[in-house]
């Protein structure tokens, strides 16, 4: 299975998007609600239909960017936010070369081929400004070949991210939506 642009676009075209909750999930909403600096530059990789993007924009954050391989979710975001077309990037996350203050993680990491996980940790570090952070949710269930999504564990995440990041928070999400209850970890990692 090649998890490329065609794969993801077909999933959207066939409405095979079981991860799509139709709105921002509680853990990310509550994290965003405590952010004070609305000028920070934020990236949401593999944002899908981008409800986090919508929430940020509607709450005064204007320097927010989305990157996704598939065109359909980006068009969906653009229809809801036509003034922010230039903030929507159709590209491979690993080819980005901008700098950000915050990367918001919501299902992207666990949708990647597990062979790319170390590359993801390296790339997020490269994309962050000094003192930048990556925060969001990672799945907490045994790694499986039956993905995406692919699972993972606290131990794996510590190993992958600890060389390049200070692991500030990595714990069971206490406010997951019902279908994901006890299957998500909330995290905040700061660039070293």
N, C-alpha and C. Protein backbone atom coordinates (compact mmCIF):
# COMPACT_ATOMS: atom_id res chain seq x y z
N UNK A 1 0.84 -1.18 0.00
CA UNK A 1 0.00 0.00 0.00
C UNK A 1 0.89 1.24 0.00
N UNK A 2 0.70 2.10 -0.99
CA UNK A 2 1.45 3.35 -1.05
C UNK A 2 0.58 4.47 -0.51
N UNK A 3 1.02 5.08 0.58
CA UNK A 3 0.26 6.14 1.22
C UNK A 3 0.64 7.48 0.58
N UNK A 4 0.33 7.60 -0.71
CA UNK A 4 0.70 8.78 -1.47
C UNK A 4 -0.52 9.67 -1.72
N UNK A 5 -0.35 10.68 -2.53
CA UNK A 5 -1.43 11.62 -2.82
C UNK A 5 -2.66 10.92 -3.38
N UNK A 6 -2.45 9.99 -4.31
CA UNK A 6 -3.59 9.27 -4.91
C UNK A 6 -4.34 8.45 -3.86
N UNK A 7 -3.61 7.80 -2.98
CA UNK A 7 -4.25 7.00 -1.93
C UNK A 7 -5.17 7.88 -1.09
N UNK A 8 -4.63 9.01 -0.61
CA UNK A 8 -5.42 9.88 0.27
C UNK A 8 -6.56 10.55 -0.48
N UNK A 9 -6.31 10.97 -1.70
CA UNK A 9 -7.38 11.59 -2.49
C UNK A 9 -8.52 10.61 -2.72
N UNK A 10 -8.20 9.36 -3.01
CA UNK A 10 -9.24 8.34 -3.19
C UNK A 10 -10.04 8.14 -1.91
N UNK A 11 -9.37 8.18 -0.78
CA UNK A 11 -10.09 8.04 0.50
C UNK A 11 -11.12 9.17 0.64
N UNK A 12 -10.73 10.39 0.31
CA UNK A 12 -11.67 11.52 0.40
C UNK A 12 -12.78 11.40 -0.63
N UNK A 13 -12.44 11.03 -1.85
CA UNK A 13 -13.44 10.92 -2.91
C UNK A 13 -14.47 9.84 -2.60
N UNK A 14 -14.04 8.78 -1.93
CA UNK A 14 -14.94 7.67 -1.58
C UNK A 14 -15.52 7.79 -0.17
N UNK A 15 -15.29 8.94 0.45
CA UNK A 15 -15.78 9.20 1.81
C UNK A 15 -15.35 8.11 2.80
N UNK A 16 -14.12 7.64 2.64
CA UNK A 16 -13.53 6.66 3.56
C UNK A 16 -12.63 7.40 4.53
N UNK A 17 -13.25 8.26 5.33
CA UNK A 17 -12.50 9.15 6.21
C UNK A 17 -13.00 9.00 7.65
N UNK A 18 -12.90 7.78 8.15
CA UNK A 18 -13.40 7.47 9.48
C UNK A 18 -12.77 8.29 10.59
N UNK A 19 -11.60 8.88 10.34
CA UNK A 19 -10.93 9.70 11.34
C UNK A 19 -11.56 11.09 11.45
N UNK A 20 -12.36 11.47 10.46
CA UNK A 20 -12.94 12.81 10.40
C UNK A 20 -14.07 12.94 11.40
N UNK A 21 -13.89 13.78 12.40
CA UNK A 21 -14.89 13.94 13.46
C UNK A 21 -15.92 15.03 13.16
N UNK A 22 -15.70 15.79 12.10
CA UNK A 22 -16.63 16.85 11.74
C UNK A 22 -16.44 18.13 12.53
N UNK A 23 -15.51 18.13 13.47
CA UNK A 23 -15.23 19.32 14.28
C UNK A 23 -13.90 19.11 14.99
N UNK A 24 -13.39 20.18 15.57
CA UNK A 24 -12.15 20.07 16.34
C UNK A 24 -12.42 19.17 17.55
N UNK A 25 -11.43 18.35 17.89
CA UNK A 25 -11.60 17.48 19.06
C UNK A 25 -11.24 18.26 20.34
N UNK A 26 -11.78 17.82 21.43
CA UNK A 26 -11.64 18.52 22.71
C UNK A 26 -10.18 18.73 23.13
N UNK A 27 -9.30 17.73 23.06
CA UNK A 27 -7.93 17.98 23.52
C UNK A 27 -7.24 19.13 22.77
N UNK A 28 -7.42 19.20 21.46
CA UNK A 28 -6.77 20.28 20.72
C UNK A 28 -7.46 21.61 20.97
N UNK A 29 -8.77 21.60 21.07
CA UNK A 29 -9.51 22.83 21.37
C UNK A 29 -9.02 23.42 22.70
N UNK A 30 -8.93 22.58 23.71
CA UNK A 30 -8.50 23.08 25.03
C UNK A 30 -7.04 23.53 25.01
N UNK A 31 -6.20 22.88 24.24
CA UNK A 31 -4.82 23.33 24.12
C UNK A 31 -4.76 24.69 23.44
N UNK A 32 -5.48 24.84 22.33
CA UNK A 32 -5.50 26.11 21.60
C UNK A 32 -6.05 27.23 22.49
N UNK A 33 -7.06 26.92 23.27
CA UNK A 33 -7.69 27.94 24.12
C UNK A 33 -6.72 28.56 25.12
N UNK A 34 -5.66 27.86 25.47
CA UNK A 34 -4.71 28.43 26.43
C UNK A 34 -3.52 29.14 25.75
N UNK A 35 -3.49 29.15 24.42
CA UNK A 35 -2.43 29.87 23.72
C UNK A 35 -2.72 31.38 23.75
N UNK A 36 -1.77 32.17 24.17
CA UNK A 36 -1.98 33.61 24.31
C UNK A 36 -1.48 34.42 23.12
N UNK A 37 -0.40 33.98 22.50
CA UNK A 37 0.21 34.74 21.41
C UNK A 37 -0.43 34.35 20.08
N UNK A 38 -1.30 35.20 19.58
CA UNK A 38 -2.03 34.90 18.34
C UNK A 38 -1.20 35.18 17.09
N UNK A 39 0.05 35.62 17.27
CA UNK A 39 0.92 35.93 16.12
C UNK A 39 1.84 34.77 15.77
N UNK A 40 1.87 33.72 16.59
CA UNK A 40 2.78 32.61 16.30
C UNK A 40 2.42 31.96 14.97
N UNK A 41 3.43 31.39 14.34
CA UNK A 41 3.25 30.71 13.07
C UNK A 41 3.03 29.23 13.34
N UNK A 42 1.88 28.72 12.91
CA UNK A 42 1.44 27.37 13.24
C UNK A 42 1.31 26.54 11.97
N UNK A 43 1.74 25.29 12.05
CA UNK A 43 1.56 24.33 10.96
C UNK A 43 0.70 23.18 11.46
N UNK A 44 -0.26 22.78 10.62
CA UNK A 44 -1.04 21.58 10.88
C UNK A 44 -0.77 20.62 9.72
N UNK A 45 0.09 19.63 9.93
CA UNK A 45 0.40 18.70 8.84
C UNK A 45 -0.68 17.64 8.67
N UNK A 46 -0.94 17.27 7.42
CA UNK A 46 -1.94 16.24 7.14
C UNK A 46 -3.25 16.56 7.81
N UNK A 47 -3.69 17.81 7.67
CA UNK A 47 -4.82 18.32 8.46
C UNK A 47 -6.17 17.76 8.04
N UNK A 48 -6.22 17.08 6.91
CA UNK A 48 -7.53 16.60 6.47
C UNK A 48 -8.45 17.78 6.25
N UNK A 49 -9.67 17.69 6.73
CA UNK A 49 -10.65 18.76 6.54
C UNK A 49 -10.41 19.97 7.44
N UNK A 50 -9.40 19.91 8.27
CA UNK A 50 -8.85 21.09 8.93
C UNK A 50 -9.73 21.82 9.92
N UNK A 51 -10.42 21.10 10.77
CA UNK A 51 -11.26 21.76 11.76
C UNK A 51 -10.42 22.54 12.77
N UNK A 52 -9.20 22.10 13.00
CA UNK A 52 -8.29 22.83 13.87
C UNK A 52 -7.92 24.17 13.23
N UNK A 53 -7.72 24.15 11.92
CA UNK A 53 -7.44 25.37 11.17
C UNK A 53 -8.61 26.35 11.34
N UNK A 54 -9.82 25.86 11.10
CA UNK A 54 -11.02 26.71 11.24
C UNK A 54 -11.06 27.33 12.63
N UNK A 55 -10.85 26.52 13.65
CA UNK A 55 -10.94 26.99 15.03
C UNK A 55 -9.90 28.07 15.30
N UNK A 56 -8.68 27.83 14.85
CA UNK A 56 -7.62 28.82 15.04
C UNK A 56 -7.96 30.14 14.34
N UNK A 57 -8.36 30.07 13.09
CA UNK A 57 -8.68 31.27 12.31
C UNK A 57 -9.82 32.04 12.97
N UNK A 58 -10.85 31.34 13.38
CA UNK A 58 -12.02 31.99 13.98
C UNK A 58 -11.72 32.53 15.39
N UNK A 59 -10.58 32.17 15.92
CA UNK A 59 -10.18 32.67 17.24
C UNK A 59 -9.00 33.64 17.17
N UNK A 60 -8.79 34.22 16.00
CA UNK A 60 -7.83 35.30 15.86
C UNK A 60 -6.43 34.94 15.46
N UNK A 61 -6.14 33.66 15.25
CA UNK A 61 -4.82 33.24 14.76
C UNK A 61 -4.85 33.36 13.23
N UNK A 62 -3.95 34.13 12.67
CA UNK A 62 -3.97 34.34 11.21
C UNK A 62 -2.76 33.73 10.51
N UNK A 63 -1.75 33.37 11.27
CA UNK A 63 -0.50 32.86 10.72
C UNK A 63 -0.49 31.32 10.84
N UNK A 64 -1.54 30.70 10.31
CA UNK A 64 -1.76 29.26 10.43
C UNK A 64 -1.69 28.65 9.04
N UNK A 65 -0.99 27.53 8.92
CA UNK A 65 -0.81 26.87 7.63
C UNK A 65 -1.16 25.40 7.74
N UNK A 66 -1.66 24.88 6.64
CA UNK A 66 -2.01 23.47 6.52
C UNK A 66 -1.21 22.90 5.37
N UNK A 67 -0.70 21.69 5.54
CA UNK A 67 -0.09 20.97 4.43
C UNK A 67 -0.79 19.62 4.34
N UNK A 68 -1.15 19.24 3.11
CA UNK A 68 -1.78 17.95 2.88
C UNK A 68 -1.43 17.50 1.46
N UNK A 69 -1.35 16.20 1.28
CA UNK A 69 -1.07 15.64 -0.04
C UNK A 69 -2.28 15.70 -0.96
N UNK A 70 -3.46 15.52 -0.41
CA UNK A 70 -4.68 15.40 -1.21
C UNK A 70 -5.33 16.77 -1.45
N UNK A 71 -5.81 17.02 -2.66
CA UNK A 71 -6.43 18.32 -2.94
C UNK A 71 -7.82 18.50 -2.33
N UNK A 72 -8.60 17.44 -2.21
CA UNK A 72 -9.98 17.60 -1.74
C UNK A 72 -10.09 18.23 -0.35
N UNK A 73 -9.36 17.76 0.65
CA UNK A 73 -9.51 18.42 1.95
C UNK A 73 -9.08 19.88 1.93
N UNK A 74 -8.07 20.20 1.14
CA UNK A 74 -7.65 21.60 1.04
C UNK A 74 -8.74 22.45 0.40
N UNK A 75 -9.41 21.92 -0.60
CA UNK A 75 -10.54 22.64 -1.21
C UNK A 75 -11.67 22.83 -0.21
N UNK A 76 -11.90 21.82 0.62
CA UNK A 76 -12.94 21.93 1.64
C UNK A 76 -12.61 23.05 2.63
N UNK A 77 -11.35 23.12 3.05
CA UNK A 77 -10.93 24.17 3.97
C UNK A 77 -11.06 25.54 3.30
N UNK A 78 -10.64 25.62 2.05
CA UNK A 78 -10.70 26.89 1.32
C UNK A 78 -12.14 27.39 1.18
N UNK A 79 -13.07 26.48 0.95
CA UNK A 79 -14.47 26.90 0.83
C UNK A 79 -14.97 27.55 2.12
N UNK A 80 -14.51 27.07 3.24
CA UNK A 80 -14.93 27.63 4.53
C UNK A 80 -14.12 28.87 4.90
N UNK A 81 -12.92 29.00 4.34
CA UNK A 81 -11.99 30.09 4.70
C UNK A 81 -11.36 30.68 3.44
N UNK A 82 -12.15 31.30 2.55
CA UNK A 82 -11.62 31.75 1.27
C UNK A 82 -10.51 32.79 1.37
N UNK A 83 -10.46 33.54 2.47
CA UNK A 83 -9.41 34.55 2.62
C UNK A 83 -8.05 33.97 2.98
N UNK A 84 -8.00 32.65 3.20
CA UNK A 84 -6.76 32.02 3.64
C UNK A 84 -6.23 30.98 2.65
N UNK A 85 -6.57 31.16 1.39
CA UNK A 85 -6.13 30.22 0.34
C UNK A 85 -4.61 30.06 0.33
N UNK A 86 -3.88 31.14 0.54
CA UNK A 86 -2.42 31.08 0.50
C UNK A 86 -1.82 30.33 1.68
N UNK A 87 -2.63 30.01 2.68
CA UNK A 87 -2.16 29.28 3.85
C UNK A 87 -2.34 27.77 3.69
N UNK A 88 -2.86 27.35 2.56
CA UNK A 88 -3.14 25.94 2.30
C UNK A 88 -2.12 25.42 1.29
N UNK A 89 -1.35 24.45 1.70
CA UNK A 89 -0.22 23.97 0.90
C UNK A 89 -0.46 22.52 0.51
N UNK A 90 -0.56 22.28 -0.80
CA UNK A 90 -0.64 20.89 -1.27
C UNK A 90 0.78 20.43 -1.57
N UNK A 91 1.30 19.61 -0.69
CA UNK A 91 2.69 19.19 -0.81
C UNK A 91 2.92 18.02 0.14
N UNK A 92 4.06 17.43 -0.01
CA UNK A 92 4.54 16.42 0.91
C UNK A 92 5.14 17.14 2.12
N UNK A 93 4.69 16.79 3.28
CA UNK A 93 5.20 17.37 4.53
C UNK A 93 6.72 17.36 4.56
N UNK A 94 7.33 16.29 4.07
CA UNK A 94 8.78 16.13 4.16
C UNK A 94 9.53 17.05 3.20
N UNK A 95 8.80 17.74 2.32
CA UNK A 95 9.43 18.69 1.39
C UNK A 95 9.29 20.14 1.83
N UNK A 96 8.61 20.39 2.92
CA UNK A 96 8.46 21.76 3.41
C UNK A 96 9.80 22.34 3.82
N UNK A 97 9.94 23.67 3.66
CA UNK A 97 11.19 24.30 4.09
C UNK A 97 10.95 25.61 4.83
N UNK A 98 9.75 25.80 5.34
CA UNK A 98 9.44 26.99 6.14
C UNK A 98 9.77 26.71 7.61
N UNK A 99 9.68 27.75 8.42
CA UNK A 99 9.88 27.61 9.87
C UNK A 99 8.58 27.98 10.58
N UNK A 100 8.33 27.29 11.69
CA UNK A 100 7.10 27.48 12.45
C UNK A 100 7.43 27.55 13.94
N UNK A 101 6.50 28.15 14.68
CA UNK A 101 6.64 28.21 16.14
C UNK A 101 5.94 27.03 16.81
N UNK A 102 4.91 26.51 16.14
CA UNK A 102 4.13 25.42 16.70
C UNK A 102 3.65 24.50 15.58
N UNK A 103 3.80 23.22 15.79
CA UNK A 103 3.22 22.22 14.90
C UNK A 103 2.15 21.49 15.71
N UNK A 104 0.92 21.50 15.18
CA UNK A 104 -0.19 20.80 15.83
C UNK A 104 -0.37 19.44 15.19
N UNK A 105 -0.32 18.42 16.00
CA UNK A 105 -0.41 17.03 15.53
C UNK A 105 -1.78 16.45 15.87
N UNK A 106 -2.50 16.05 14.83
CA UNK A 106 -3.82 15.41 15.00
C UNK A 106 -3.94 14.30 13.95
N UNK A 107 -3.59 13.11 14.29
CA UNK A 107 -3.70 11.89 13.46
C UNK A 107 -2.69 11.78 12.32
N UNK A 108 -1.94 12.82 12.00
CA UNK A 108 -1.01 12.74 10.88
C UNK A 108 0.10 11.71 11.12
N UNK A 109 0.77 11.83 12.26
CA UNK A 109 1.89 10.94 12.57
C UNK A 109 1.48 9.48 12.45
N UNK A 110 0.35 9.11 13.02
CA UNK A 110 -0.08 7.71 13.03
C UNK A 110 -0.69 7.26 11.71
N UNK A 111 -0.83 8.19 10.75
CA UNK A 111 -1.28 7.82 9.41
C UNK A 111 -0.10 7.60 8.48
N UNK A 112 1.09 7.99 8.91
CA UNK A 112 2.30 7.79 8.10
C UNK A 112 2.73 6.33 8.15
N UNK A 113 3.36 5.88 7.08
CA UNK A 113 4.00 4.58 7.10
C UNK A 113 4.97 4.57 8.30
N UNK A 114 4.88 3.58 9.18
CA UNK A 114 5.76 3.56 10.36
C UNK A 114 7.25 3.68 10.03
N UNK A 115 7.64 3.32 8.82
CA UNK A 115 9.05 3.45 8.43
C UNK A 115 9.48 4.92 8.37
N UNK A 116 8.51 5.86 8.32
CA UNK A 116 8.82 7.28 8.23
C UNK A 116 8.84 7.99 9.58
N UNK A 117 8.63 7.27 10.64
CA UNK A 117 8.47 7.93 11.94
C UNK A 117 9.73 8.67 12.40
N UNK A 118 10.88 8.07 12.25
CA UNK A 118 12.10 8.77 12.63
C UNK A 118 12.29 10.01 11.75
N UNK A 119 12.01 9.88 10.46
CA UNK A 119 12.09 11.03 9.55
C UNK A 119 11.15 12.15 10.00
N UNK A 120 9.97 11.77 10.49
CA UNK A 120 9.01 12.75 10.99
C UNK A 120 9.59 13.51 12.18
N UNK A 121 10.17 12.80 13.12
CA UNK A 121 10.75 13.46 14.29
C UNK A 121 11.86 14.42 13.87
N UNK A 122 12.68 14.01 12.93
CA UNK A 122 13.76 14.86 12.43
C UNK A 122 13.19 16.07 11.70
N UNK A 123 12.20 15.85 10.84
CA UNK A 123 11.63 16.94 10.05
C UNK A 123 10.90 17.95 10.91
N UNK A 124 10.14 17.49 11.90
CA UNK A 124 9.45 18.45 12.76
C UNK A 124 10.47 19.33 13.48
N UNK A 125 11.56 18.74 13.90
CA UNK A 125 12.61 19.52 14.56
C UNK A 125 13.18 20.56 13.60
N UNK A 126 13.41 20.18 12.36
CA UNK A 126 13.94 21.11 11.36
C UNK A 126 12.98 22.26 11.08
N UNK A 127 11.69 21.96 11.08
CA UNK A 127 10.68 22.97 10.72
C UNK A 127 10.41 23.97 11.84
N UNK A 128 10.82 23.65 13.05
CA UNK A 128 10.53 24.52 14.18
C UNK A 128 11.61 25.57 14.41
N UNK A 129 11.17 26.77 14.73
CA UNK A 129 12.08 27.81 15.18
C UNK A 129 12.66 27.39 16.53
N UNK A 130 13.74 28.06 16.96
CA UNK A 130 14.27 27.76 18.29
C UNK A 130 13.16 28.03 19.30
N UNK A 131 13.06 27.21 20.30
CA UNK A 131 12.00 27.25 21.30
C UNK A 131 10.64 26.87 20.74
N UNK A 132 10.60 26.32 19.52
CA UNK A 132 9.34 25.87 18.94
C UNK A 132 8.83 24.62 19.62
N UNK A 133 7.55 24.33 19.40
CA UNK A 133 6.92 23.18 20.03
C UNK A 133 6.13 22.38 19.01
N UNK A 134 6.00 21.12 19.30
CA UNK A 134 5.03 20.26 18.62
C UNK A 134 4.11 19.75 19.72
N UNK A 135 2.82 19.83 19.46
CA UNK A 135 1.84 19.43 20.47
C UNK A 135 0.64 18.81 19.80
N UNK A 136 -0.03 17.94 20.52
CA UNK A 136 -1.24 17.35 19.98
C UNK A 136 -1.47 15.96 20.52
N UNK A 137 -1.92 15.09 19.63
CA UNK A 137 -2.33 13.75 20.02
C UNK A 137 -1.61 12.68 19.20
N UNK A 138 -1.25 11.61 19.89
CA UNK A 138 -0.69 10.42 19.26
C UNK A 138 -1.53 9.24 19.74
N UNK A 139 -1.70 8.26 18.87
CA UNK A 139 -2.47 7.09 19.28
C UNK A 139 -1.68 6.21 20.23
N UNK A 140 -2.40 5.59 21.14
CA UNK A 140 -1.82 4.71 22.14
C UNK A 140 -2.52 3.35 22.06
N UNK A 141 -2.10 2.59 21.06
CA UNK A 141 -2.53 1.19 20.94
C UNK A 141 -1.43 0.48 20.18
N UNK A 142 -1.34 -0.83 20.29
CA UNK A 142 -0.20 -1.54 19.71
C UNK A 142 -0.01 -1.23 18.22
N UNK A 143 1.24 -1.03 17.87
CA UNK A 143 1.61 -0.80 16.48
C UNK A 143 1.15 -1.98 15.66
N UNK A 144 0.50 -1.69 14.54
CA UNK A 144 -0.07 -2.74 13.71
C UNK A 144 0.18 -2.45 12.24
N UNK A 145 0.14 -3.48 11.43
CA UNK A 145 0.24 -3.31 9.98
C UNK A 145 -1.11 -2.94 9.37
N UNK A 146 -2.17 -3.04 10.18
CA UNK A 146 -3.53 -2.81 9.69
C UNK A 146 -3.90 -1.34 9.74
N UNK A 147 -3.12 -0.51 9.15
CA UNK A 147 -3.42 0.92 9.16
C UNK A 147 -3.49 1.45 7.76
N UNK A 148 -3.61 2.70 7.63
CA UNK A 148 -3.66 3.69 8.68
C UNK A 148 -5.02 3.74 9.37
N UNK A 149 -5.08 4.21 10.63
CA UNK A 149 -3.94 4.64 11.43
C UNK A 149 -3.15 3.46 11.98
N UNK A 150 -1.89 3.73 12.21
CA UNK A 150 -1.01 2.77 12.84
C UNK A 150 -0.86 3.20 14.30
N UNK A 151 -0.73 2.28 15.16
CA UNK A 151 -0.65 2.59 16.59
C UNK A 151 0.74 3.03 17.01
N UNK A 152 0.96 2.95 18.28
CA UNK A 152 2.24 3.31 18.86
C UNK A 152 2.14 3.30 20.37
N UNK A 153 3.25 3.58 21.03
CA UNK A 153 3.28 3.52 22.49
C UNK A 153 4.13 4.66 23.06
N UNK A 154 3.94 4.92 24.33
CA UNK A 154 4.74 5.93 25.01
C UNK A 154 6.22 5.64 24.85
N UNK A 155 6.61 4.37 25.01
CA UNK A 155 8.03 4.01 24.91
C UNK A 155 8.58 4.34 23.53
N UNK A 156 7.82 4.01 22.48
CA UNK A 156 8.27 4.31 21.12
C UNK A 156 8.42 5.82 20.93
N UNK A 157 7.43 6.58 21.37
CA UNK A 157 7.46 8.02 21.18
C UNK A 157 8.62 8.65 21.94
N UNK A 158 8.90 8.17 23.15
CA UNK A 158 10.04 8.68 23.90
C UNK A 158 11.34 8.44 23.14
N UNK A 159 11.48 7.23 22.61
CA UNK A 159 12.69 6.89 21.86
C UNK A 159 12.83 7.76 20.61
N UNK A 160 11.75 7.94 19.87
CA UNK A 160 11.80 8.70 18.62
C UNK A 160 12.09 10.18 18.83
N UNK A 161 11.49 10.76 19.85
CA UNK A 161 11.53 12.21 19.97
C UNK A 161 12.54 12.75 20.98
N UNK A 162 13.04 11.94 21.88
CA UNK A 162 13.84 12.46 22.99
C UNK A 162 15.20 13.04 22.58
N UNK A 163 15.74 12.63 21.45
CA UNK A 163 17.04 13.17 21.04
C UNK A 163 16.94 14.63 20.60
N UNK A 164 15.83 15.00 19.97
CA UNK A 164 15.70 16.35 19.42
C UNK A 164 14.76 17.25 20.21
N UNK A 165 14.02 16.67 21.17
CA UNK A 165 13.01 17.44 21.88
C UNK A 165 13.08 17.21 23.39
N UNK A 166 12.68 18.23 24.13
CA UNK A 166 12.41 18.08 25.56
C UNK A 166 10.97 17.60 25.66
N UNK A 167 10.77 16.45 26.25
CA UNK A 167 9.43 15.88 26.35
C UNK A 167 8.74 16.49 27.57
N UNK A 168 8.03 17.58 27.35
CA UNK A 168 7.39 18.31 28.45
C UNK A 168 6.16 17.57 28.98
N UNK A 169 5.34 17.03 28.08
CA UNK A 169 4.12 16.32 28.46
C UNK A 169 3.96 15.14 27.52
N UNK A 170 3.65 13.99 28.06
CA UNK A 170 3.32 12.80 27.27
C UNK A 170 2.50 11.90 28.20
N UNK A 171 1.17 12.02 28.07
CA UNK A 171 0.29 11.34 29.01
C UNK A 171 -1.04 11.00 28.35
N UNK A 172 -1.77 10.08 28.98
CA UNK A 172 -3.10 9.73 28.48
C UNK A 172 -3.93 10.99 28.37
N UNK A 173 -4.58 11.16 27.24
CA UNK A 173 -5.49 12.29 27.08
C UNK A 173 -6.72 12.04 27.95
N UNK A 174 -7.02 12.98 28.82
CA UNK A 174 -8.15 12.82 29.75
C UNK A 174 -9.47 13.30 29.14
N UNK A 175 -9.39 13.95 27.99
CA UNK A 175 -10.58 14.56 27.40
C UNK A 175 -10.81 14.14 25.95
N UNK A 176 -10.41 12.93 25.60
CA UNK A 176 -10.61 12.42 24.24
C UNK A 176 -12.10 12.29 23.94
N UNK A 177 -12.43 12.33 22.65
CA UNK A 177 -13.80 12.06 22.26
C UNK A 177 -14.07 10.57 22.49
N UNK A 178 -15.33 10.20 22.66
CA UNK A 178 -15.67 8.82 23.06
C UNK A 178 -15.02 7.74 22.20
N UNK A 179 -15.08 7.82 20.86
CA UNK A 179 -14.48 6.72 20.09
C UNK A 179 -12.98 6.55 20.30
N UNK A 180 -12.31 7.58 20.80
CA UNK A 180 -10.86 7.52 20.99
C UNK A 180 -10.46 7.47 22.47
N UNK A 181 -11.42 7.37 23.35
CA UNK A 181 -11.13 7.36 24.79
C UNK A 181 -10.16 6.22 25.12
N UNK A 182 -9.15 6.53 25.93
CA UNK A 182 -8.11 5.59 26.35
C UNK A 182 -7.24 5.08 25.21
N UNK A 183 -7.30 5.74 24.06
CA UNK A 183 -6.46 5.36 22.92
C UNK A 183 -5.59 6.51 22.44
N UNK A 184 -5.57 7.62 23.18
CA UNK A 184 -4.82 8.78 22.75
C UNK A 184 -3.90 9.27 23.86
N UNK A 185 -2.77 9.79 23.44
CA UNK A 185 -1.83 10.45 24.34
C UNK A 185 -1.75 11.92 23.94
N UNK A 186 -1.84 12.79 24.92
CA UNK A 186 -1.62 14.22 24.66
C UNK A 186 -0.15 14.50 24.93
N UNK A 187 0.45 15.32 24.05
CA UNK A 187 1.88 15.60 24.24
C UNK A 187 2.21 17.02 23.89
N UNK A 188 3.27 17.51 24.52
CA UNK A 188 3.92 18.76 24.17
C UNK A 188 5.41 18.50 24.23
N UNK A 189 6.07 18.65 23.07
CA UNK A 189 7.52 18.49 22.99
C UNK A 189 8.12 19.82 22.55
N UNK A 190 9.16 20.25 23.23
CA UNK A 190 9.85 21.50 22.89
C UNK A 190 11.16 21.19 22.20
N UNK A 191 11.46 21.95 21.18
CA UNK A 191 12.73 21.80 20.47
C UNK A 191 13.89 22.09 21.41
N UNK A 192 14.91 21.21 21.40
CA UNK A 192 16.10 21.43 22.24
C UNK A 192 16.98 22.51 21.65
